[in-house]
Amino acid sequence: MEALARLEREDPKLAFQAARVVGLYRRLWESCMAKHMEGKKLTKANDGLRETQQRLMNEKNRMQSSHDDQLARLHFLDQALESSRLHLTEILKEWNRCSDVLESKPSK
């Protein structure tokens, strides 16, 4: 500012042009700073979104793992029930054979 004041005294035309250049430079600087601050805000928001995405992915993976575990347990239970059904069927068949044999024997 002191240089502009001195230039104003020495050469008013040049001082006017210099002041204009300084003004343009100041507006450009302010614009750059505003864009820089906007960029920082976007970067911060982007980081927040990345953290949220990571949490959601972790939750999804945990839920998928839980779902897979439940499917495995269900499959195991289904196999156990099928095995029990087969064993019960065999026991009932044997029971029926024994009943038929007992009924076919004459009573004394």
PDB file of N, CA and C in Angstrom:
ATOM      1  N   MET A   1       0.827  -1.186   0.000  1.00  0.00           N
ATOM      2  CA  MET A   1       0.000   0.000   0.000  1.00  0.00           C
ATOM      3  C   MET A   1       0.879   1.260   0.000  1.00  0.00           C
ATOM      4  N   GLU A   2       1.989   1.199   0.733  1.00  0.00           N
ATOM      5  CA  GLU A   2       2.904   2.354   0.760  1.00  0.00           C
ATOM      6  C   GLU A   2       3.478   2.599  -0.632  1.00  0.00           C
ATOM      7  N   ALA A   3       3.784   1.495  -1.344  1.00  0.00           N
ATOM      8  CA  ALA A   3       4.347   1.647  -2.691  1.00  0.00           C
ATOM      9  C   ALA A   3       3.321   2.281  -3.616  1.00  0.00           C
ATOM     10  N   LEU A   4       2.049   1.927  -3.475  1.00  0.00           N
ATOM     11  CA  LEU A   4       1.007   2.522  -4.308  1.00  0.00           C
ATOM     12  C   LEU A   4       0.833   4.007  -3.980  1.00  0.00           C
ATOM     13  N   ALA A   5       0.909   4.349  -2.704  1.00  0.00           N
ATOM     14  CA  ALA A   5       0.787   5.760  -2.296  1.00  0.00           C
ATOM     15  C   ALA A   5       1.937   6.575  -2.875  1.00  0.00           C
ATOM     16  N   ARG A   6       3.158   6.018  -2.810  1.00  0.00           N
ATOM     17  CA  ARG A   6       4.319   6.724  -3.367  1.00  0.00           C
ATOM     18  C   ARG A   6       4.173   6.852  -4.873  1.00  0.00           C
ATOM     19  N   LEU A   7       3.710   5.770  -5.513  1.00  0.00           N
ATOM     20  CA  LEU A   7       3.533   5.805  -6.967  1.00  0.00           C
ATOM     21  C   LEU A   7       2.440   6.798  -7.355  1.00  0.00           C
ATOM     22  N   GLU A   8       1.431   6.932  -6.516  1.00  0.00           N
ATOM     23  CA  GLU A   8       0.346   7.906  -6.763  1.00  0.00           C
ATOM     24  C   GLU A   8       0.909   9.317  -6.836  1.00  0.00           C
ATOM     25  N   ARG A   9       1.852   9.609  -5.971  1.00  0.00           N
ATOM     26  CA  ARG A   9       2.465  10.953  -5.971  1.00  0.00           C
ATOM     27  C   ARG A   9       3.353  11.144  -7.195  1.00  0.00           C
ATOM     28  N   GLU A  10       4.076  10.092  -7.566  1.00  0.00           N
ATOM     29  CA  GLU A  10       5.049  10.239  -8.650  1.00  0.00           C
ATOM     30  C   GLU A  10       4.403  10.148 -10.034  1.00  0.00           C
ATOM     31  N   ASP A  11       3.508   9.161 -10.215  1.00  0.00           N
ATOM     32  CA  ASP A  11       2.899   8.954 -11.542  1.00  0.00           C
ATOM     33  C   ASP A  11       1.468   8.445 -11.351  1.00  0.00           C
ATOM     34  N   PRO A  12       0.515   9.356 -11.296  1.00  0.00           N
ATOM     35  CA  PRO A  12      -0.872   8.975 -11.028  1.00  0.00           C
ATOM     36  C   PRO A  12      -1.434   7.974 -12.037  1.00  0.00           C
ATOM     37  N   LYS A  13      -1.098   8.084 -13.332  1.00  0.00           N
ATOM     38  CA  LYS A  13      -1.606   7.137 -14.325  1.00  0.00           C
ATOM     39  C   LYS A  13      -1.101   5.730 -14.048  1.00  0.00           C
ATOM     40  N   LEU A  14       0.179   5.624 -13.805  1.00  0.00           N
ATOM     41  CA  LEU A  14       0.778   4.325 -13.504  1.00  0.00           C
ATOM     42  C   LEU A  14       0.228   3.782 -12.192  1.00  0.00           C
ATOM     43  N   ALA A  15       0.003   4.649 -11.224  1.00  0.00           N
ATOM     44  CA  ALA A  15      -0.547   4.231  -9.936  1.00  0.00           C
ATOM     45  C   ALA A  15      -1.948   3.656 -10.128  1.00  0.00           C
ATOM     46  N   PHE A  16      -2.746   4.300 -11.007  1.00  0.00           N
ATOM     47  CA  PHE A  16      -4.093   3.809 -11.282  1.00  0.00           C
ATOM     48  C   PHE A  16      -4.042   2.408 -11.894  1.00  0.00           C
ATOM     49  N   GLN A  17      -3.140   2.204 -12.870  1.00  0.00           N
ATOM     50  CA  GLN A  17      -2.998   0.903 -13.517  1.00  0.00           C
ATOM     51  C   GLN A  17      -2.497  -0.147 -12.504  1.00  0.00           C
ATOM     52  N   ALA A  18      -1.550   0.254 -11.687  1.00  0.00           N
ATOM     53  CA  ALA A  18      -1.011  -0.668 -10.680  1.00  0.00           C
ATOM     54  C   ALA A  18      -2.109  -1.049  -9.682  1.00  0.00           C
ATOM     55  N   ALA A  19      -2.914  -0.075  -9.266  1.00  0.00           N
ATOM     56  CA  ALA A  19      -4.002  -0.346  -8.323  1.00  0.00           C
ATOM     57  C   ALA A  19      -5.012  -1.303  -8.955  1.00  0.00           C
ATOM     58  N   ARG A  20      -5.255  -1.112 -10.229  1.00  0.00           N
ATOM     59  CA  ARG A  20      -6.178  -2.003 -10.940  1.00  0.00           C
ATOM     60  C   ARG A  20      -5.627  -3.439 -10.975  1.00  0.00           C
ATOM     61  N   VAL A  21      -4.347  -3.568 -11.283  1.00  0.00           N
ATOM     62  CA  VAL A  21      -3.709  -4.889 -11.307  1.00  0.00           C
ATOM     63  C   VAL A  21      -3.756  -5.523  -9.919  1.00  0.00           C
ATOM     64  N   VAL A  22      -3.463  -4.739  -8.896  1.00  0.00           N
ATOM     65  CA  VAL A  22      -3.506  -5.246  -7.527  1.00  0.00           C
ATOM     66  C   VAL A  22      -4.926  -5.697  -7.179  1.00  0.00           C
ATOM     67  N   GLY A  23      -5.916  -4.924  -7.581  1.00  0.00           N
ATOM     68  CA  GLY A  23      -7.311  -5.285  -7.334  1.00  0.00           C
ATOM     69  C   GLY A  23      -7.686  -6.587  -8.017  1.00  0.00           C
ATOM     70  N   LEU A  24      -7.274  -6.719  -9.287  1.00  0.00           N
ATOM     71  CA  LEU A  24      -7.543  -7.960 -10.016  1.00  0.00           C
ATOM     72  C   LEU A  24      -6.845  -9.149  -9.347  1.00  0.00           C
ATOM     73  N   TYR A  25      -5.593  -8.922  -8.952  1.00  0.00           N
ATOM     74  CA  TYR A  25      -4.845  -9.974  -8.282  1.00  0.00           C
ATOM     75  C   TYR A  25      -5.548 -10.376  -6.985  1.00  0.00           C
ATOM     76  N   ARG A  26      -6.047  -9.377  -6.248  1.00  0.00           N
ATOM     77  CA  ARG A  26      -6.725  -9.649  -4.969  1.00  0.00           C
ATOM     78  C   ARG A  26      -7.992 -10.479  -5.188  1.00  0.00           C
ATOM     79  N   ARG A  27      -8.784 -10.101  -6.227  1.00  0.00           N
ATOM     80  CA  ARG A  27      -9.986 -10.873  -6.536  1.00  0.00           C
ATOM     81  C   ARG A  27      -9.640 -12.300  -6.948  1.00  0.00           C
ATOM     82  N   LEU A  28      -8.574 -12.430  -7.752  1.00  0.00           N
ATOM     83  CA  LEU A  28      -8.135 -13.766  -8.168  1.00  0.00           C
ATOM     84  C   LEU A  28      -7.708 -14.585  -6.958  1.00  0.00           C
ATOM     85  N   TRP A  29      -6.950 -13.968  -6.064  1.00  0.00           N
ATOM     86  CA  TRP A  29      -6.496 -14.643  -4.845  1.00  0.00           C
ATOM     87  C   TRP A  29      -7.685 -15.094  -3.990  1.00  0.00           C
ATOM     88  N   GLU A  30      -8.659 -14.205  -3.803  1.00  0.00           N
ATOM     89  CA  GLU A  30      -9.845 -14.537  -3.009  1.00  0.00           C
ATOM     90  C   GLU A  30     -10.627 -15.680  -3.655  1.00  0.00           C
ATOM     91  N   SER A  31     -10.719 -15.634  -4.974  1.00  0.00           N
ATOM     92  CA  SER A  31     -11.413 -16.703  -5.694  1.00  0.00           C
ATOM     93  C   SER A  31     -10.692 -18.043  -5.507  1.00  0.00           C
ATOM     94  N   CYS A  32      -9.358 -17.989  -5.617  1.00  0.00           N
ATOM     95  CA  CYS A  32      -8.570 -19.213  -5.422  1.00  0.00           C
ATOM     96  C   CYS A  32      -8.725 -19.743  -4.004  1.00  0.00           C
ATOM     97  N   MET A  33      -8.713 -18.842  -3.033  1.00  0.00           N
ATOM     98  CA  MET A  33      -8.864 -19.264  -1.639  1.00  0.00           C
ATOM     99  C   MET A  33     -10.247 -19.869  -1.409  1.00  0.00           C
ATOM    100  N   ALA A  34     -11.280 -19.261  -2.010  1.00  0.00           N
ATOM    101  CA  ALA A  34     -12.642 -19.796  -1.873  1.00  0.00           C
ATOM    102  C   ALA A  34     -12.713 -21.200  -2.481  1.00  0.00           C
ATOM    103  N   LYS A  35     -12.118 -21.365  -3.652  1.00  0.00           N
ATOM    104  CA  LYS A  35     -12.102 -22.690  -4.297  1.00  0.00           C
ATOM    105  C   LYS A  35     -11.309 -23.681  -3.457  1.00  0.00           C
ATOM    106  N   HIS A  36     -10.218 -23.222  -2.884  1.00  0.00           N
ATOM    107  CA  HIS A  36      -9.405 -24.086  -2.025  1.00  0.00           C
ATOM    108  C   HIS A  36     -10.213 -24.553  -0.814  1.00  0.00           C
ATOM    109  N   MET A  37     -10.931 -23.624  -0.192  1.00  0.00           N
ATOM    110  CA  MET A  37     -11.748 -23.968   0.973  1.00  0.00           C
ATOM    111  C   MET A  37     -12.878 -24.916   0.570  1.00  0.00           C
ATOM    112  N   GLU A  38     -13.465 -24.660  -0.583  1.00  0.00           N
ATOM    113  CA  GLU A  38     -14.520 -25.540  -1.089  1.00  0.00           C
ATOM    114  C   GLU A  38     -13.954 -26.937  -1.343  1.00  0.00           C
ATOM    115  N   GLY A  39     -12.759 -26.985  -1.903  1.00  0.00           N
ATOM    116  CA  GLY A  39     -12.098 -28.271  -2.138  1.00  0.00           C
ATOM    117  C   GLY A  39     -11.827 -29.004  -0.835  1.00  0.00           C
ATOM    118  N   LYS A  40     -11.407 -28.259   0.194  1.00  0.00           N
ATOM    119  CA  LYS A  40     -11.168 -28.881   1.496  1.00  0.00           C
ATOM    120  C   LYS A  40     -12.459 -29.466   2.069  1.00  0.00           C
ATOM    121  N   LYS A  41     -13.560 -28.708   1.934  1.00  0.00           N
ATOM    122  CA  LYS A  41     -14.857 -29.194   2.425  1.00  0.00           C
ATOM    123  C   LYS A  41     -15.263 -30.460   1.677  1.00  0.00           C
ATOM    124  N   LEU A  42     -15.070 -30.450   0.355  1.00  0.00           N
ATOM    125  CA  LEU A  42     -15.411 -31.632  -0.431  1.00  0.00           C
ATOM    126  C   LEU A  42     -14.545 -32.833  -0.051  1.00  0.00           C
ATOM    127  N   THR A  43     -13.272 -32.575   0.192  1.00  0.00           N
ATOM    128  CA  THR A  43     -12.378 -33.656   0.601  1.00  0.00           C
ATOM    129  C   THR A  43     -12.818 -34.235   1.939  1.00  0.00           C
ATOM    130  N   LYS A  44     -13.178 -33.350   2.867  1.00  0.00           N
ATOM    131  CA  LYS A  44     -13.639 -33.796   4.187  1.00  0.00           C
ATOM    132  C   LYS A  44     -14.933 -34.604   4.052  1.00  0.00           C
ATOM    133  N   ALA A  45     -15.871 -34.103   3.232  1.00  0.00           N
ATOM    134  CA  ALA A  45     -17.130 -34.825   3.012  1.00  0.00           C
ATOM    135  C   ALA A  45     -16.863 -36.170   2.345  1.00  0.00           C
ATOM    136  N   ASN A  46     -15.938 -36.187   1.404  1.00  0.00           N
ATOM    137  CA  ASN A  46     -15.578 -37.418   0.706  1.00  0.00           C
ATOM    138  C   ASN A  46     -14.975 -38.438   1.678  1.00  0.00           C
ATOM    139  N   ASP A  47     -14.120 -37.956   2.572  1.00  0.00           N
ATOM    140  CA  ASP A  47     -13.538 -38.843   3.588  1.00  0.00           C
ATOM    141  C   ASP A  47     -14.626 -39.435   4.472  1.00  0.00           C
ATOM    142  N   GLY A  48     -15.600 -38.604   4.844  1.00  0.00           N
ATOM    143  CA  GLY A  48     -16.722 -39.087   5.649  1.00  0.00           C
ATOM    144  C   GLY A  48     -17.514 -40.149   4.910  1.00  0.00           C
ATOM    145  N   LEU A  49     -17.735 -39.924   3.623  1.00  0.00           N
ATOM    146  CA  LEU A  49     -18.455 -40.908   2.820  1.00  0.00           C
ATOM    147  C   LEU A  49     -17.667 -42.217   2.692  1.00  0.00           C
ATOM    148  N   ARG A  50     -16.354 -42.113   2.566  1.00  0.00           N
ATOM    149  CA  ARG A  50     -15.522 -43.324   2.495  1.00  0.00           C
ATOM    150  C   ARG A  50     -15.616 -44.116   3.795  1.00  0.00           C
ATOM    151  N   GLU A  51     -15.587 -43.406   4.932  1.00  0.00           N
ATOM    152  CA  GLU A  51     -15.703 -44.079   6.220  1.00  0.00           C
ATOM    153  C   GLU A  51     -17.058 -44.762   6.344  1.00  0.00           C
ATOM    154  N   THR A  52     -18.110 -44.057   5.919  1.00  0.00           N
ATOM    155  CA  THR A  52     -19.453 -44.641   5.969  1.00  0.00           C
ATOM    156  C   THR A  52     -19.538 -45.862   5.062  1.00  0.00           C
ATOM    157  N   GLN A  53     -18.960 -45.762   3.877  1.00  0.00           N
ATOM    158  CA  GLN A  53     -18.962 -46.895   2.954  1.00  0.00           C
ATOM    159  C   GLN A  53     -18.233 -48.082   3.574  1.00  0.00           C
ATOM    160  N   GLN A  54     -17.105 -47.828   4.218  1.00  0.00           N
ATOM    161  CA  GLN A  54     -16.339 -48.913   4.832  1.00  0.00           C
ATOM    162  C   GLN A  54     -17.152 -49.574   5.941  1.00  0.00           C
ATOM    163  N   ARG A  55     -17.819 -48.739   6.769  1.00  0.00           N
ATOM    164  CA  ARG A  55     -18.659 -49.302   7.834  1.00  0.00           C
ATOM    165  C   ARG A  55     -19.786 -50.149   7.249  1.00  0.00           C
ATOM    166  N   LEU A  56     -20.414 -49.641   6.187  1.00  0.00           N
ATOM    167  CA  LEU A  56     -21.509 -50.383   5.555  1.00  0.00           C
ATOM    168  C   LEU A  56     -21.009 -51.682   4.924  1.00  0.00           C
ATOM    169  N   MET A  57     -19.835 -51.629   4.308  1.00  0.00           N
ATOM    170  CA  MET A  57     -19.269 -52.854   3.722  1.00  0.00           C
ATOM    171  C   MET A  57     -18.957 -53.877   4.816  1.00  0.00           C
ATOM    172  N   ASN A  58     -18.403 -53.404   5.937  1.00  0.00           N
ATOM    173  CA  ASN A  58     -18.121 -54.307   7.054  1.00  0.00           C
ATOM    174  C   ASN A  58     -19.412 -54.928   7.585  1.00  0.00           C
ATOM    175  N   GLU A  59     -20.453 -54.107   7.714  1.00  0.00           N
ATOM    176  CA  GLU A  59     -21.745 -54.591   8.186  1.00  0.00           C
ATOM    177  C   GLU A  59     -22.329 -55.598   7.201  1.00  0.00           C
ATOM    178  N   LYS A  60     -22.223 -55.295   5.908  1.00  0.00           N
ATOM    179  CA  LYS A  60     -22.712 -56.212   4.875  1.00  0.00           C
ATOM    180  C   LYS A  60     -21.975 -57.547   4.955  1.00  0.00           C
ATOM    181  N   ASN A  61     -20.661 -57.482   5.099  1.00  0.00           N
ATOM    182  CA  ASN A  61     -19.867 -58.710   5.190  1.00  0.00           C
ATOM    183  C   ASN A  61     -20.230 -59.507   6.440  1.00  0.00           C
ATOM    184  N   ARG A  62     -20.457 -58.791   7.557  1.00  0.00           N
ATOM    185  CA  ARG A  62     -20.838 -59.470   8.785  1.00  0.00           C
ATOM    186  C   ARG A  62     -22.201 -60.144   8.622  1.00  0.00           C
ATOM    187  N   MET A  63     -23.126 -59.420   8.008  1.00  0.00           N
ATOM    188  CA  MET A  63     -24.461 -59.982   7.793  1.00  0.00           C
ATOM    189  C   MET A  63     -24.419 -61.154   6.814  1.00  0.00           C
ATOM    190  N   GLN A  64     -23.595 -61.044   5.784  1.00  0.00           N
ATOM    191  CA  GLN A  64     -23.459 -62.144   4.824  1.00  0.00           C
ATOM    192  C   GLN A  64     -22.881 -63.370   5.510  1.00  0.00           C
ATOM    193  N   SER A  65     -21.888 -63.155   6.356  1.00  0.00           N
ATOM    194  CA  SER A  65     -21.282 -64.261   7.095  1.00  0.00           C
ATOM    195  C   SER A  65     -22.315 -64.920   8.008  1.00  0.00           C
ATOM    196  N   SER A  66     -23.108 -64.094   8.688  1.00  0.00           N
ATOM    197  CA  SER A  66     -24.158 -64.618   9.557  1.00  0.00           C
ATOM    198  C   SER A  66     -25.182 -65.406   8.744  1.00  0.00           C
ATOM    199  N   HIS A  67     -25.543 -64.874   7.578  1.00  0.00           N
ATOM    200  CA  HIS A  67     -26.492 -65.556   6.700  1.00  0.00           C
ATOM    201  C   HIS A  67     -25.922 -66.897   6.243  1.00  0.00           C
ATOM    202  N   ASP A  68     -24.651 -66.898   5.855  1.00  0.00           N
ATOM    203  CA  ASP A  68     -24.008 -68.146   5.423  1.00  0.00           C
ATOM    204  C   ASP A  68     -23.979 -69.161   6.560  1.00  0.00           C
ATOM    205  N   ASP A  69     -23.694 -68.696   7.785  1.00  0.00           N
ATOM    206  CA  ASP A  69     -23.707 -69.591   8.944  1.00  0.00           C
ATOM    207  C   ASP A  69     -25.100 -70.178   9.166  1.00  0.00           C
ATOM    208  N   GLN A  70     -26.114 -69.333   9.045  1.00  0.00           N
ATOM    209  CA  GLN A  70     -27.482 -69.813   9.228  1.00  0.00           C
ATOM    210  C   GLN A  70     -27.860 -70.832   8.157  1.00  0.00           C
ATOM    211  N   LEU A  71     -27.446 -70.586   6.921  1.00  0.00           N
ATOM    212  CA  LEU A  71     -27.713 -71.555   5.852  1.00  0.00           C
ATOM    213  C   LEU A  71     -27.012 -72.883   6.124  1.00  0.00           C
ATOM    214  N   ALA A  72     -25.786 -72.821   6.616  1.00  0.00           N
ATOM    215  CA  ALA A  72     -25.049 -74.046   6.937  1.00  0.00           C
ATOM    216  C   ALA A  72     -25.755 -74.807   8.062  1.00  0.00           C
ATOM    217  N   ARG A  73     -26.211 -74.079   9.084  1.00  0.00           N
ATOM    218  CA  ARG A  73     -26.934 -74.730  10.184  1.00  0.00           C
ATOM    219  C   ARG A  73     -28.244 -75.333   9.695  1.00  0.00           C
ATOM    220  N   LEU A  74     -28.950 -74.602   8.846  1.00  0.00           N
ATOM    221  CA  LEU A  74     -30.201 -75.098   8.294  1.00  0.00           C
ATOM    222  C   LEU A  74     -29.964 -76.362   7.474  1.00  0.00           C
ATOM    223  N   HIS A  75     -28.922 -76.356   6.680  1.00  0.00           N
ATOM    224  CA  HIS A  75     -28.571 -77.542   5.887  1.00  0.00           C
ATOM    225  C   HIS A  75     -28.246 -78.714   6.802  1.00  0.00           C
ATOM    226  N   PHE A  76     -27.469 -78.462   7.869  1.00  0.00           N
ATOM    227  CA  PHE A  76     -27.141 -79.518   8.825  1.00  0.00           C
ATOM    228  C   PHE A  76     -28.411 -80.061   9.490  1.00  0.00           C
ATOM    229  N   LEU A  77     -29.316 -79.155   9.897  1.00  0.00           N
ATOM    230  CA  LEU A  77     -30.564 -79.557  10.526  1.00  0.00           C
ATOM    231  C   LEU A  77     -31.413 -80.366   9.558  1.00  0.00           C
ATOM    232  N   ASP A  78     -31.455 -79.935   8.304  1.00  0.00           N
ATOM    233  CA  ASP A  78     -32.203 -80.669   7.287  1.00  0.00           C
ATOM    234  C   ASP A  78     -31.650 -82.085   7.121  1.00  0.00           C
ATOM    235  N   GLN A  79     -30.337 -82.226   7.094  1.00  0.00           N
ATOM    236  CA  GLN A  79     -29.716 -83.545   6.985  1.00  0.00           C
ATOM    237  C   GLN A  79     -30.018 -84.396   8.220  1.00  0.00           C
ATOM    238  N   ALA A  80     -29.956 -83.782   9.402  1.00  0.00           N
ATOM    239  CA  ALA A  80     -30.244 -84.511  10.638  1.00  0.00           C
ATOM    240  C   ALA A  80     -31.697 -84.975  10.658  1.00  0.00           C
ATOM    241  N   LEU A  81     -32.618 -84.124  10.234  1.00  0.00           N
ATOM    242  CA  LEU A  81     -34.032 -84.507  10.187  1.00  0.00           C
ATOM    243  C   LEU A  81     -34.266 -85.629   9.182  1.00  0.00           C
ATOM    244  N   GLU A  82     -33.624 -85.539   8.035  1.00  0.00           N
ATOM    245  CA  GLU A  82     -33.755 -86.604   7.019  1.00  0.00           C
ATOM    246  C   GLU A  82     -33.213 -87.926   7.551  1.00  0.00           C
ATOM    247  N   SER A  83     -32.074 -87.861   8.222  1.00  0.00           N
ATOM    248  CA  SER A  83     -31.497 -89.064   8.814  1.00  0.00           C
ATOM    249  C   SER A  83     -32.426 -89.638   9.880  1.00  0.00           C
ATOM    250  N   SER A  84     -32.985 -88.775  10.708  1.00  0.00           N
ATOM    251  CA  SER A  84     -33.924 -89.227  11.744  1.00  0.00           C
ATOM    252  C   SER A  84     -35.165 -89.845  11.110  1.00  0.00           C
ATOM    253  N   ARG A  85     -35.648 -89.231  10.049  1.00  0.00           N
ATOM    254  CA  ARG A  85     -36.833 -89.770   9.361  1.00  0.00           C
ATOM    255  C   ARG A  85     -36.545 -91.160   8.809  1.00  0.00           C
ATOM    256  N   LEU A  86     -35.363 -91.336   8.204  1.00  0.00           N
ATOM    257  CA  LEU A  86     -34.995 -92.646   7.667  1.00  0.00           C
ATOM    258  C   LEU A  86     -34.890 -93.691   8.782  1.00  0.00           C
ATOM    259  N   HIS A  87     -34.253 -93.305   9.899  1.00  0.00           N
ATOM    260  CA  HIS A  87     -34.134 -94.243  11.022  1.00  0.00           C
ATOM    261  C   HIS A  87     -35.498 -94.587  11.599  1.00  0.00           C
ATOM    262  N   LEU A  88     -36.370 -93.613  11.742  1.00  0.00           N
ATOM    263  CA  LEU A  88     -37.709 -93.850  12.274  1.00  0.00           C
ATOM    264  C   LEU A  88     -38.506 -94.745  11.336  1.00  0.00           C
ATOM    265  N   THR A  89     -38.348 -94.538  10.041  1.00  0.00           N
ATOM    266  CA  THR A  89     -39.025 -95.389   9.056  1.00  0.00           C
ATOM    267  C   THR A  89     -38.563 -96.829   9.203  1.00  0.00           C
ATOM    268  N   GLU A  90     -37.257 -97.034   9.364  1.00  0.00           N
ATOM    269  CA  GLU A  90     -36.720 -98.389   9.546  1.00  0.00           C
ATOM    270  C   GLU A  90     -37.243 -99.026  10.832  1.00  0.00           C
ATOM    271  N   ILE A  91     -37.318 -98.231  11.907  1.00  0.00           N
ATOM    272  CA  ILE A  91     -37.826 -98.750  13.182  1.00  0.00           C
ATOM    273  C   ILE A  91     -39.290 -99.149  13.032  1.00  0.00           C
ATOM    274  N   LEU A  92     -40.086 -98.331  12.371  1.00  0.00           N
ATOM    275  CA  LEU A  92     -41.505 -98.635  12.184  1.00  0.00           C
ATOM    276  C   LEU A  92     -41.693 -99.863  11.301  1.00  0.00           C
ATOM    277  N   LYS A  93     -40.869-100.015  10.274  1.00  0.00           N
ATOM    278  CA  LYS A  93     -40.944-101.208   9.425  1.00  0.00           C
ATOM    279  C   LYS A  93     -40.633-102.466  10.246  1.00  0.00           C
ATOM    280  N   GLU A  94     -39.587-102.353  11.073  1.00  0.00           N
ATOM    281  CA  GLU A  94     -39.211-103.494  11.934  1.00  0.00           C
ATOM    282  C   GLU A  94     -40.335-103.797  12.917  1.00  0.00           C
ATOM    283  N   TRP A  95     -40.949-102.757  13.454  1.00  0.00           N
ATOM    284  CA  TRP A  95     -42.066-102.926  14.393  1.00  0.00           C
ATOM    285  C   TRP A  95     -43.227-103.649  13.711  1.00  0.00           C
ATOM    286  N   ASN A  96     -43.516-103.225  12.470  1.00  0.00           N
ATOM    287  CA  ASN A  96     -44.601-103.863  11.724  1.00  0.00           C
ATOM    288  C   ASN A  96     -44.281-105.330  11.436  1.00  0.00           C
ATOM    289  N   ARG A  97     -43.039-105.630  11.114  1.00  0.00           N
ATOM    290  CA  ARG A  97     -42.648-107.036  10.869  1.00  0.00           C
ATOM    291  C   ARG A  97     -42.827-107.870  12.130  1.00  0.00           C
ATOM    292  N   CYS A  98     -42.406-107.303  13.260  1.00  0.00           N
ATOM    293  CA  CYS A  98     -42.548-108.022  14.533  1.00  0.00           C
ATOM    294  C   CYS A  98     -44.024-108.231  14.858  1.00  0.00           C
ATOM    295  N   SER A  99     -44.846-107.227  14.608  1.00  0.00           N
ATOM    296  CA  SER A  99     -46.287-107.334  14.877  1.00  0.00           C
ATOM    297  C   SER A  99     -46.913-108.400  13.999  1.00  0.00           C
ATOM    298  N   ASP A 100     -46.504-108.431  12.732  1.00  0.00           N
ATOM    299  CA  ASP A 100     -47.043-109.436  11.812  1.00  0.00           C
ATOM    300  C   ASP A 100     -46.663-110.833  12.270  1.00  0.00           C
ATOM    301  N   VAL A 101     -45.435-111.006  12.724  1.00  0.00           N
ATOM    302  CA  VAL A 101     -44.963-112.315  13.194  1.00  0.00           C
ATOM    303  C   VAL A 101     -45.754-112.722  14.432  1.00  0.00           C
ATOM    304  N   LEU A 102     -45.960-111.807  15.367  1.00  0.00           N
ATOM    305  CA  LEU A 102     -46.706-112.115  16.587  1.00  0.00           C
ATOM    306  C   LEU A 102     -48.151-112.428  16.300  1.00  0.00           C
ATOM    307  N   GLU A 103     -48.752-111.768  15.360  1.00  0.00           N
ATOM    308  CA  GLU A 103     -50.147-112.020  15.004  1.00  0.00           C
ATOM    309  C   GLU A 103     -50.308-113.331  14.256  1.00  0.00           C
ATOM    310  N   SER A 104     -49.300-113.734  13.535  1.00  0.00           N
ATOM    311  CA  SER A 104     -49.400-114.976  12.758  1.00  0.00           C
ATOM    312  C   SER A 104     -49.168-116.218  13.617  1.00  0.00           C
ATOM    313  N   LYS A 105     -48.614-116.087  14.823  1.00  0.00           N
ATOM    314  CA  LYS A 105     -48.405-117.218  15.712  1.00  0.00           C
ATOM    315  C   LYS A 105     -49.739-117.562  16.374  1.00  0.00           C
ATOM    316  N   PRO A 106     -50.040-118.849  16.461  1.00  0.00           N
ATOM    317  CA  PRO A 106     -51.290-119.241  17.118  1.00  0.00           C
ATOM    318  C   PRO A 106     -51.205-119.012  18.621  1.00  0.00           C
ATOM    319  N   SER A 107     -52.304-118.623  19.231  1.00  0.00           N
ATOM    320  CA  SER A 107     -52.333-118.428  20.664  1.00  0.00           C
ATOM    321  C   SER A 107     -52.512-119.757  21.353  1.00  0.00           C
ATOM    322  N   LYS A 108     -51.943-119.869  22.520  1.00  0.00           N
ATOM    323  CA  LYS A 108     -52.069-121.142  23.252  1.00  0.00           C
ATOM    324  C   LYS A 108     -53.077-121.059  24.315  1.00  0.00           C
TER     325      LYS A 108
END
